[in-house]
Protein backbone atom coordinates (compact mmCIF):
# COMPACT_ATOMS: atom_id res chain seq x y z
CA MET A 1 50.24 45.01 -15.84
CA ARG A 2 51.74 42.39 -13.54
CA PHE A 3 52.87 42.35 -10.10
CA THR A 4 53.59 40.37 -7.12
CA SER A 5 50.89 40.14 -4.14
CA THR A 6 50.80 37.93 -1.02
CA SER A 7 48.53 35.33 -2.60
CA HIS A 8 49.64 35.24 -6.19
CA LEU A 9 50.20 31.75 -6.41
CA THR A 10 46.61 30.79 -5.45
CA LYS A 11 44.61 31.90 -8.52
CA MET A 12 42.01 33.52 -6.27
CA THR A 13 41.07 37.07 -6.62
CA GLU A 14 42.42 39.50 -3.77
CA ILE A 15 40.56 42.50 -3.49
CA HIS A 16 42.37 45.62 -1.92
CA LEU A 17 40.70 48.86 -0.91
CA PHE A 18 43.56 51.49 -1.02
CA VAL A 19 43.13 54.22 1.64
CA GLN A 20 45.42 56.90 3.41
CA GLU A 21 45.50 58.61 6.58
CA GLY A 22 43.24 61.41 6.96
CA CYS A 23 41.50 60.96 3.87
CA ARG A 24 37.57 61.38 4.46
CA PRO A 25 36.50 59.37 1.46
CA CYS A 26 38.56 56.66 2.75
CA MET A 27 36.86 56.63 5.88
CA TYR A 28 33.39 56.59 4.14
CA ALA A 29 34.69 54.01 2.24
CA GLU A 30 35.93 51.83 5.47
CA THR A 31 32.81 52.87 7.52
CA GLN A 32 30.62 51.28 5.25
CA LEU A 33 32.66 48.20 4.48
CA LYS A 34 33.00 47.55 8.24
CA LYS A 35 29.03 47.25 8.35
CA VAL A 36 29.12 43.79 6.24
CA GLU A 37 29.54 40.52 8.20
CA GLY A 38 32.81 38.49 7.30
CA TRP A 39 34.19 41.45 5.17
CA GLU A 40 37.88 40.79 6.65
CA ASN A 41 37.84 37.33 4.81
CA VAL A 42 37.27 39.11 1.33
CA VAL A 43 38.67 42.47 1.32
CA THR A 44 42.15 43.81 2.59
CA ILE A 45 42.48 47.67 3.45
CA THR A 46 45.64 48.41 2.47
CA ASN A 47 47.66 51.75 3.18
CA ALA A 48 48.12 53.25 -0.35
CA LYS A 49 51.23 55.64 1.29
CA GLU A 50 54.24 55.17 3.28
CA ASN A 51 55.81 58.20 4.93
CA GLY A 52 53.52 60.61 2.55
CA GLU A 53 54.58 58.54 -0.79
CA TRP A 54 52.79 56.24 -2.56
CA SER A 55 53.91 52.56 -1.58
CA GLN A 56 55.32 50.54 -4.54
CA PHE A 57 52.23 48.15 -4.19
CA ALA A 58 49.98 51.19 -4.96
CA LYS A 59 51.86 52.14 -7.62
CA ASP A 60 52.17 48.86 -9.30
CA CYS A 61 48.20 48.63 -8.86
CA GLY A 62 47.78 52.08 -10.58
CA VAL A 63 46.44 53.60 -7.55
CA GLU A 64 46.69 57.45 -8.20
CA ALA A 65 43.79 58.66 -5.52
CA THR A 66 42.25 57.30 -2.70
CA PRO A 67 39.90 55.48 -1.81
CA THR A 68 40.63 52.93 -4.48
CA LEU A 69 39.34 49.33 -4.99
CA ILE A 70 41.50 47.00 -6.86
CA ALA A 71 40.78 43.37 -7.40
CA ILE A 72 43.84 41.23 -8.60
CA THR A 73 43.41 37.51 -10.12
CA ASP A 74 46.75 35.27 -10.77
CA GLY A 75 48.86 38.58 -10.80
CA GLU A 76 46.58 40.62 -12.94
CA ALA A 77 44.36 43.71 -11.77
CA VAL A 78 41.25 42.75 -13.23
CA ALA A 79 38.93 45.44 -11.90
CA LYS A 80 39.45 49.02 -10.28
CA MET A 81 37.08 51.74 -9.18
CA THR A 82 37.82 54.92 -7.54
CA GLY A 83 36.24 57.20 -5.41
CA SER A 84 33.67 56.26 -2.47
CA GLN A 85 30.60 57.47 -4.14
CA ASP A 86 29.32 53.97 -5.10
CA MET A 87 31.25 52.18 -1.81
CA THR A 88 28.38 51.76 -0.02
CA SER A 89 26.97 49.12 2.44
CA GLU A 90 24.71 47.78 -0.33
CA PHE A 91 27.88 47.29 -2.59
CA TRP A 92 30.21 46.34 -0.23
CA GLN A 93 27.51 43.47 0.90
CA ALA A 94 27.24 42.25 -2.65
CA THR A 95 31.00 42.09 -3.10
CA VAL A 96 31.51 40.15 -0.17
CA ASN A 97 28.72 37.78 -0.94
CA LYS A 98 30.41 37.49 -4.69
CA HIS A 99 33.80 36.34 -3.40
CA LYS A 100 33.53 34.88 0.21
CA SER A 101 34.69 31.39 0.19
């Protein structure tokens, strides 16, 4: 599946954490992520819904539930993880360390 994103020409990996308002697992994932220094340079928190409907970007990425983490490289989804159970601060630290520039 190909889709357009904001940095599709850079050949860098984009990481999006799709969340939605009122989602308790999303709040947990965000809280754990925000404990990691420099997270905002690696992970983009992306609202999965607009006016109660899945955004086109979320649909294009195959998001069916939140929270969902999607890695996009060169316009292709290369990794996907749904659910907050593994989104611990340790997981986020390892993700940030791996992808920081």
